[in-house]
Amino acid sequence: MIDFYTWSTPNGRKVSIMLEEVGLPYRVHAVDINKNEQFRPEFLKIAPNNRIPAIVDTDTGLTLFESGAILMYLADKAPAGEAFYPKAPRKRFDVVQWLMFQMGGVGPMFGQTHHFLRFAPEPVPYAIERYRKETRRLYGVLDARLATAEYLAGDYSVADIATYPWVARHEWQEIDLTDFSNVRRWYEAVGARPAVSRGMAVPA
C-alpha cells in the first residue's frame, strides 16, 4: 500500500496519474497547502522540503519526496511500470532526459508564470515578461519535439505523465494551444487516457 500525501497541484497530480496508470493500491492524505499543512512536523518527517507530493510505501517502510523520484520509484515497483519507464538503457534515458526537462524547466518556469500572473500581491512587469517569454519558449521546445514523436520519449512514459498536469494549466499561463498544434494533439491524447482523468481528480 502507498500512503500518498498530496494536494490539487500539477506536481501532486503527476503522482496520482502514475498510481492510476500502474494500478498500485494507495490511500490519499490531503495536505492543504492553503492552510500551510505542509509545515506540520508530522509531514516534514516525510517531506523535509515541505512540498507535496510525498509517499510512504507501507510494504517497505520507504518514504520518498520529490515528484520525479516518486514516479521512477513507482515505475520500478509496479509490474506494469516498465511500460512507462523502460529498463533498456537507451529507452530509459530517452525518458529520463524529457523527465528532467520537465523537472528543471517546465515545472519551475510555468510555476513562476502562475505566481506572477495570478498570485503576486502586485504586478511585477519585469517578472511577468521574463516568465511569459520563457514559458512560450518551452512550449516551442515541446511543440518541436512532438512534431517528430507521438509522445515526448517516443512512447507514452513518465515524461508525459510529469508534463501533462502543467500543460493542463495552459490558461493560467495565458497560452493558447492553437499556437502549438503538436502540443495540442499530444495534450488531447494524454487527457483521453482513463487513468489520467482519474488521477487529475485526486484529491477529491
C-alpha atoms as a PDB file:
ATOM      1  CA  MET A   1       0.000   0.000   0.000  1.00  0.00           C
ATOM      2  CA  ILE A   2       1.176   3.503  -0.843  1.00  0.00           C
ATOM      3  CA  ASP A   3       0.262   6.320   1.534  1.00  0.00           C
ATOM      4  CA  PHE A   4       0.100   9.319  -0.774  1.00  0.00           C
ATOM      5  CA  TYR A   5       0.351  12.876   0.562  1.00  0.00           C
ATOM      6  CA  THR A   6      -0.845  15.396  -1.975  1.00  0.00           C
ATOM      7  CA  TRP A   7      -2.851  18.444  -2.970  1.00  0.00           C
ATOM      8  CA  SER A   8      -4.508  19.540  -6.228  1.00  0.00           C
ATOM      9  CA  THR A   9      -1.369  20.892  -7.912  1.00  0.00           C
ATOM     10  CA  PRO A  10       0.458  19.773 -11.056  1.00  0.00           C
ATOM     11  CA  ASN A  11       3.190  18.097  -9.009  1.00  0.00           C
ATOM     12  CA  GLY A  12       0.666  16.198  -6.919  1.00  0.00           C
ATOM     13  CA  ARG A  13      -1.292  15.132  -9.972  1.00  0.00           C
ATOM     14  CA  LYS A  14       1.776  13.621 -11.614  1.00  0.00           C
ATOM     15  CA  VAL A  15       1.876  11.008  -8.883  1.00  0.00           C
ATOM     16  CA  SER A  16      -1.854  10.322  -8.750  1.00  0.00           C
ATOM     17  CA  ILE A  17      -1.850   9.774 -12.527  1.00  0.00           C
ATOM     18  CA  MET A  18       1.080   7.386 -12.173  1.00  0.00           C
ATOM     19  CA  LEU A  19      -0.602   5.458  -9.362  1.00  0.00           C
ATOM     20  CA  GLU A  20      -3.692   5.073 -11.529  1.00  0.00           C
ATOM     21  CA  GLU A  21      -1.656   4.039 -14.568  1.00  0.00           C
ATOM     22  CA  VAL A  22       0.264   1.282 -12.778  1.00  0.00           C
ATOM     23  CA  GLY A  23      -2.649   0.127 -10.613  1.00  0.00           C
ATOM     24  CA  LEU A  24      -0.917   0.174  -7.240  1.00  0.00           C
ATOM     25  CA  PRO A  25      -3.250   0.436  -4.212  1.00  0.00           C
ATOM     26  CA  TYR A  26      -2.963   3.770  -2.432  1.00  0.00           C
ATOM     27  CA  ARG A  27      -4.519   5.909   0.280  1.00  0.00           C
ATOM     28  CA  VAL A  28      -4.820   9.655  -0.214  1.00  0.00           C
ATOM     29  CA  HIS A  29      -3.844  12.064   2.552  1.00  0.00           C
ATOM     30  CA  ALA A  30      -4.787  15.608   1.545  1.00  0.00           C
ATOM     31  CA  VAL A  31      -2.232  18.215   2.616  1.00  0.00           C
ATOM     32  CA  ASP A  32      -3.969  21.584   2.285  1.00  0.00           C
ATOM     33  CA  ILE A  33      -1.207  23.938   1.268  1.00  0.00           C
ATOM     34  CA  ASN A  34      -3.627  26.865   1.519  1.00  0.00           C
ATOM     35  CA  LYS A  35      -3.693  26.193   5.272  1.00  0.00           C
ATOM     36  CA  ASN A  36       0.089  25.622   5.485  1.00  0.00           C
ATOM     37  CA  GLU A  37      -0.406  21.967   6.411  1.00  0.00           C
ATOM     38  CA  GLN A  38       2.832  21.164   4.565  1.00  0.00           C
ATOM     39  CA  PHE A  39       4.703  22.716   7.512  1.00  0.00           C
ATOM     40  CA  ARG A  40       3.270  20.342  10.110  1.00  0.00           C
ATOM     41  CA  PRO A  41       6.018  18.390  11.909  1.00  0.00           C
ATOM     42  CA  GLU A  42       4.492  15.030  11.030  1.00  0.00           C
ATOM     43  CA  PHE A  43       4.575  15.903   7.314  1.00  0.00           C
ATOM     44  CA  LEU A  44       8.112  17.290   7.496  1.00  0.00           C
ATOM     45  CA  LYS A  45       9.301  13.883   8.713  1.00  0.00           C
ATOM     46  CA  ILE A  46       8.258  12.526   5.315  1.00  0.00           C
ATOM     47  CA  ALA A  47       8.983  15.562   3.136  1.00  0.00           C
ATOM     48  CA  PRO A  48      11.729  17.715   4.682  1.00  0.00           C
ATOM     49  CA  ASN A  49      11.435  20.288   1.890  1.00  0.00           C
ATOM     50  CA  ASN A  50       7.807  20.972   2.956  1.00  0.00           C
ATOM     51  CA  ARG A  51       6.439  20.294  -0.507  1.00  0.00           C
ATOM     52  CA  ILE A  52       3.880  17.847  -1.807  1.00  0.00           C
ATOM     53  CA  PRO A  53       3.781  15.180  -3.094  1.00  0.00           C
ATOM     54  CA  ALA A  54       5.311  12.563  -0.829  1.00  0.00           C
ATOM     55  CA  ILE A  55       4.725   8.866  -0.323  1.00  0.00           C
ATOM     56  CA  VAL A  56       5.226   6.186   2.280  1.00  0.00           C
ATOM     57  CA  ASP A  57       5.446   2.634   0.957  1.00  0.00           C
ATOM     58  CA  THR A  58       3.961   0.570   3.774  1.00  0.00           C
ATOM     59  CA  ASP A  59       5.372  -2.622   2.193  1.00  0.00           C
ATOM     60  CA  THR A  60       8.949  -1.464   2.714  1.00  0.00           C
ATOM     61  CA  GLY A  61       8.762   1.498   5.104  1.00  0.00           C
ATOM     62  CA  LEU A  62      10.402   3.713   2.480  1.00  0.00           C
ATOM     63  CA  THR A  63       9.458   7.398   2.483  1.00  0.00           C
ATOM     64  CA  LEU A  64      10.041   9.499  -0.597  1.00  0.00           C
ATOM     65  CA  PHE A  65       9.580  13.105  -1.640  1.00  0.00           C
ATOM     66  CA  GLU A  66      10.185  14.899  -4.986  1.00  0.00           C
ATOM     67  CA  SER A  67       7.692  14.018  -7.686  1.00  0.00           C
ATOM     68  CA  GLY A  68      10.194  12.851 -10.300  1.00  0.00           C
ATOM     69  CA  ALA A  69      11.847  10.460  -7.856  1.00  0.00           C
ATOM     70  CA  ILE A  70       8.426   9.137  -6.859  1.00  0.00           C
ATOM     71  CA  LEU A  71       7.488   8.478 -10.498  1.00  0.00           C
ATOM     72  CA  MET A  72      10.654   6.465 -11.063  1.00  0.00           C
ATOM     73  CA  TYR A  73      10.173   4.535  -7.840  1.00  0.00           C
ATOM     74  CA  LEU A  74       6.570   3.623  -8.613  1.00  0.00           C
ATOM     75  CA  ALA A  75       7.528   2.528 -12.126  1.00  0.00           C
ATOM     76  CA  ASP A  76      10.193   0.209 -10.752  1.00  0.00           C
ATOM     77  CA  LYS A  77       7.896  -1.118  -8.020  1.00  0.00           C
ATOM     78  CA  ALA A  78       4.806  -1.917 -10.078  1.00  0.00           C
ATOM     79  CA  PRO A  79       4.723  -4.845 -12.526  1.00  0.00           C
ATOM     80  CA  ALA A  80       3.085  -2.533 -15.074  1.00  0.00           C
ATOM     81  CA  GLY A  81       5.663   0.185 -14.530  1.00  0.00           C
ATOM     82  CA  GLU A  82       8.149  -0.814 -17.210  1.00  0.00           C
ATOM     83  CA  ALA A  83       5.677   0.339 -19.854  1.00  0.00           C
ATOM     84  CA  PHE A  84       6.160   3.903 -18.562  1.00  0.00           C
ATOM     85  CA  TYR A  85       9.830   3.741 -17.541  1.00  0.00           C
ATOM     86  CA  PRO A  86      11.690   1.170 -19.659  1.00  0.00           C
ATOM     87  CA  LYS A  87      14.607  -0.794 -18.282  1.00  0.00           C
ATOM     88  CA  ALA A  88      16.627  -0.888 -21.515  1.00  0.00           C
ATOM     89  CA  PRO A  89      19.258   1.873 -21.085  1.00  0.00           C
ATOM     90  CA  ARG A  90      18.728   3.647 -24.422  1.00  0.00           C
ATOM     91  CA  LYS A  91      14.972   3.861 -23.975  1.00  0.00           C
ATOM     92  CA  ARG A  92      15.230   4.625 -20.264  1.00  0.00           C
ATOM     93  CA  PHE A  93      17.480   7.622 -20.823  1.00  0.00           C
ATOM     94  CA  ASP A  94      15.283   8.929 -23.624  1.00  0.00           C
ATOM     95  CA  VAL A  95      12.602   9.049 -20.940  1.00  0.00           C
ATOM     96  CA  VAL A  96      14.922  10.446 -18.255  1.00  0.00           C
ATOM     97  CA  GLN A  97      16.049  13.409 -20.353  1.00  0.00           C
ATOM     98  CA  TRP A  98      12.455  14.516 -21.005  1.00  0.00           C
ATOM     99  CA  LEU A  99      11.517  13.904 -17.391  1.00  0.00           C
ATOM    100  CA  MET A 100      14.426  16.122 -16.323  1.00  0.00           C
ATOM    101  CA  PHE A 101      13.317  18.718 -18.895  1.00  0.00           C
ATOM    102  CA  GLN A 102      10.018  18.851 -17.036  1.00  0.00           C
ATOM    103  CA  MET A 103      11.611  18.879 -13.590  1.00  0.00           C
ATOM    104  CA  GLY A 104      14.204  21.533 -14.405  1.00  0.00           C
ATOM    105  CA  GLY A 105      12.328  23.653 -16.947  1.00  0.00           C
ATOM    106  CA  VAL A 106       8.599  23.196 -17.377  1.00  0.00           C
ATOM    107  CA  GLY A 107       7.707  22.913 -13.698  1.00  0.00           C
ATOM    108  CA  PRO A 108       9.808  25.747 -12.272  1.00  0.00           C
ATOM    109  CA  MET A 109       9.199  28.177 -15.139  1.00  0.00           C
ATOM    110  CA  PHE A 110       5.486  27.512 -15.549  1.00  0.00           C
ATOM    111  CA  GLY A 111       5.170  27.759 -11.773  1.00  0.00           C
ATOM    112  CA  GLN A 112       6.762  31.210 -11.775  1.00  0.00           C
ATOM    113  CA  THR A 113       4.400  32.263 -14.563  1.00  0.00           C
ATOM    114  CA  HIS A 114       1.458  31.094 -12.448  1.00  0.00           C
ATOM    115  CA  HIS A 115       2.742  33.050  -9.475  1.00  0.00           C
ATOM    116  CA  PHE A 116       3.372  36.364 -11.182  1.00  0.00           C
ATOM    117  CA  LEU A 117       0.219  36.282 -13.314  1.00  0.00           C
ATOM    118  CA  ARG A 118      -2.194  35.035 -10.639  1.00  0.00           C
ATOM    119  CA  PHE A 119      -0.864  35.246  -7.107  1.00  0.00           C
ATOM    120  CA  ALA A 120       1.663  38.069  -6.728  1.00  0.00           C
ATOM    121  CA  PRO A 121       0.267  40.773  -4.424  1.00  0.00           C
ATOM    122  CA  GLU A 122       1.074  43.421  -7.040  1.00  0.00           C
ATOM    123  CA  PRO A 123       2.084  43.309 -10.726  1.00  0.00           C
ATOM    124  CA  VAL A 124       5.809  42.921 -11.401  1.00  0.00           C
ATOM    125  CA  PRO A 125       6.163  43.742 -15.132  1.00  0.00           C
ATOM    126  CA  TYR A 126       9.753  42.518 -15.470  1.00  0.00           C
ATOM    127  CA  ALA A 127       8.955  39.130 -13.904  1.00  0.00           C
ATOM    128  CA  ILE A 128       5.736  38.755 -15.900  1.00  0.00           C
ATOM    129  CA  GLU A 129       7.572  39.431 -19.162  1.00  0.00           C
ATOM    130  CA  ARG A 130      10.501  37.188 -18.249  1.00  0.00           C
ATOM    131  CA  TYR A 131       8.430  34.151 -17.309  1.00  0.00           C
ATOM    132  CA  ARG A 132       5.872  34.594 -20.104  1.00  0.00           C
ATOM    133  CA  LYS A 133       8.709  34.533 -22.648  1.00  0.00           C
ATOM    134  CA  GLU A 134      10.365  31.514 -21.079  1.00  0.00           C
ATOM    135  CA  THR A 135       7.063  29.644 -20.887  1.00  0.00           C
ATOM    136  CA  ARG A 136       6.408  30.262 -24.577  1.00  0.00           C
ATOM    137  CA  ARG A 137       9.952  29.159 -25.385  1.00  0.00           C
ATOM    138  CA  LEU A 138       9.419  25.889 -23.511  1.00  0.00           C
ATOM    139  CA  TYR A 139       6.135  25.303 -25.316  1.00  0.00           C
ATOM    140  CA  GLY A 140       8.088  25.756 -28.521  1.00  0.00           C
ATOM    141  CA  VAL A 141      10.574  23.073 -27.452  1.00  0.00           C
ATOM    142  CA  LEU A 142       7.695  20.721 -26.653  1.00  0.00           C
ATOM    143  CA  ASP A 143       5.989  21.507 -29.947  1.00  0.00           C
ATOM    144  CA  ALA A 144       9.131  20.849 -31.980  1.00  0.00           C
ATOM    145  CA  ARG A 145       9.703  17.537 -30.231  1.00  0.00           C
ATOM    146  CA  LEU A 146       6.093  16.453 -30.655  1.00  0.00           C
ATOM    147  CA  ALA A 147       6.278  17.252 -34.358  1.00  0.00           C
ATOM    148  CA  THR A 148       8.613  14.248 -34.673  1.00  0.00           C
ATOM    149  CA  ALA A 149       7.294  11.903 -31.962  1.00  0.00           C
ATOM    150  CA  GLU A 150       3.878  10.843 -30.717  1.00  0.00           C
ATOM    151  CA  TYR A 151       4.957  11.301 -27.095  1.00  0.00           C
ATOM    152  CA  LEU A 152       7.932  13.028 -25.504  1.00  0.00           C
ATOM    153  CA  ALA A 153      10.172   9.956 -25.374  1.00  0.00           C
ATOM    154  CA  GLY A 154       8.554   8.262 -28.377  1.00  0.00           C
ATOM    155  CA  ASP A 155       6.204   6.045 -26.376  1.00  0.00           C
ATOM    156  CA  TYR A 156       3.938   7.241 -23.578  1.00  0.00           C
ATOM    157  CA  SER A 157       6.008   7.423 -20.399  1.00  0.00           C
ATOM    158  CA  VAL A 158       6.604   9.089 -17.044  1.00  0.00           C
ATOM    159  CA  ALA A 159       7.868  12.105 -19.013  1.00  0.00           C
ATOM    160  CA  ASP A 160       4.370  12.677 -20.398  1.00  0.00           C
ATOM    161  CA  ILE A 161       2.789  11.948 -17.023  1.00  0.00           C
ATOM    162  CA  ALA A 162       5.007  14.591 -15.424  1.00  0.00           C
ATOM    163  CA  THR A 163       4.431  17.236 -18.088  1.00  0.00           C
ATOM    164  CA  TYR A 164       0.694  16.886 -18.707  1.00  0.00           C
ATOM    165  CA  PRO A 165      -0.589  18.438 -15.438  1.00  0.00           C
ATOM    166  CA  TRP A 166       1.481  21.562 -16.085  1.00  0.00           C
ATOM    167  CA  VAL A 167       0.179  21.922 -19.647  1.00  0.00           C
ATOM    168  CA  ALA A 168      -3.326  21.340 -18.287  1.00  0.00           C
ATOM    169  CA  ARG A 169      -2.985  24.807 -16.744  1.00  0.00           C
ATOM    170  CA  HIS A 170      -2.118  26.468 -20.048  1.00  0.00           C
ATOM    171  CA  GLU A 171      -4.848  29.054 -19.474  1.00  0.00           C
ATOM    172  CA  TRP A 172      -3.117  30.123 -16.240  1.00  0.00           C
ATOM    173  CA  GLN A 173      -0.031  30.728 -18.380  1.00  0.00           C
ATOM    174  CA  GLU A 174      -2.049  32.690 -20.976  1.00  0.00           C
ATOM    175  CA  ILE A 175      -1.088  30.108 -23.592  1.00  0.00           C
ATOM    176  CA  ASP A 176      -3.409  29.315 -26.493  1.00  0.00           C
ATOM    177  CA  LEU A 177      -2.746  25.740 -27.551  1.00  0.00           C
ATOM    178  CA  THR A 178      -3.839  26.540 -31.093  1.00  0.00           C
ATOM    179  CA  ASP A 179      -0.438  28.264 -31.335  1.00  0.00           C
ATOM    180  CA  PHE A 180       1.239  24.916 -30.615  1.00  0.00           C
ATOM    181  CA  SER A 181      -0.628  22.362 -32.695  1.00  0.00           C
ATOM    182  CA  ASN A 182       1.613  19.414 -31.822  1.00  0.00           C
ATOM    183  CA  VAL A 183       1.322  20.098 -28.097  1.00  0.00           C
ATOM    184  CA  ARG A 184      -2.431  20.359 -28.521  1.00  0.00           C
ATOM    185  CA  ARG A 185      -2.610  16.976 -30.266  1.00  0.00           C
ATOM    186  CA  TRP A 186      -0.482  15.402 -27.520  1.00  0.00           C
ATOM    187  CA  TYR A 187      -2.469  17.119 -24.765  1.00  0.00           C
ATOM    188  CA  GLU A 188      -5.762  15.757 -26.095  1.00  0.00           C
ATOM    189  CA  ALA A 189      -4.324  12.246 -26.500  1.00  0.00           C
ATOM    190  CA  VAL A 190      -2.889  12.118 -22.975  1.00  0.00           C
ATOM    191  CA  GLY A 191      -6.021  13.642 -21.470  1.00  0.00           C
ATOM    192  CA  ALA A 192      -8.182  10.973 -23.095  1.00  0.00           C
ATOM    193  CA  ARG A 193      -6.497   8.213 -21.070  1.00  0.00           C
ATOM    194  CA  PRO A 194      -8.853   6.986 -18.298  1.00  0.00           C
ATOM    195  CA  ALA A 195      -6.032   6.811 -15.728  1.00  0.00           C
ATOM    196  CA  VAL A 196      -5.126  10.428 -16.453  1.00  0.00           C
ATOM    197  CA  SER A 197      -8.715  11.532 -15.947  1.00  0.00           C
ATOM    198  CA  ARG A 198      -8.893   9.660 -12.634  1.00  0.00           C
ATOM    199  CA  GLY A 199      -5.531  10.935 -11.471  1.00  0.00           C
ATOM    200  CA  MET A 200      -6.370  14.553 -12.253  1.00  0.00           C
ATOM    201  CA  ALA A 201      -9.337  14.295  -9.853  1.00  0.00           C
ATOM    202  CA  VAL A 202      -7.152  13.447  -6.809  1.00  0.00           C
ATOM    203  CA  PRO A 203      -7.649  14.552  -4.109  1.00  0.00           C
ATOM    204  CA  ALA A 204     -11.404  14.625  -4.490  1.00  0.00           C
END
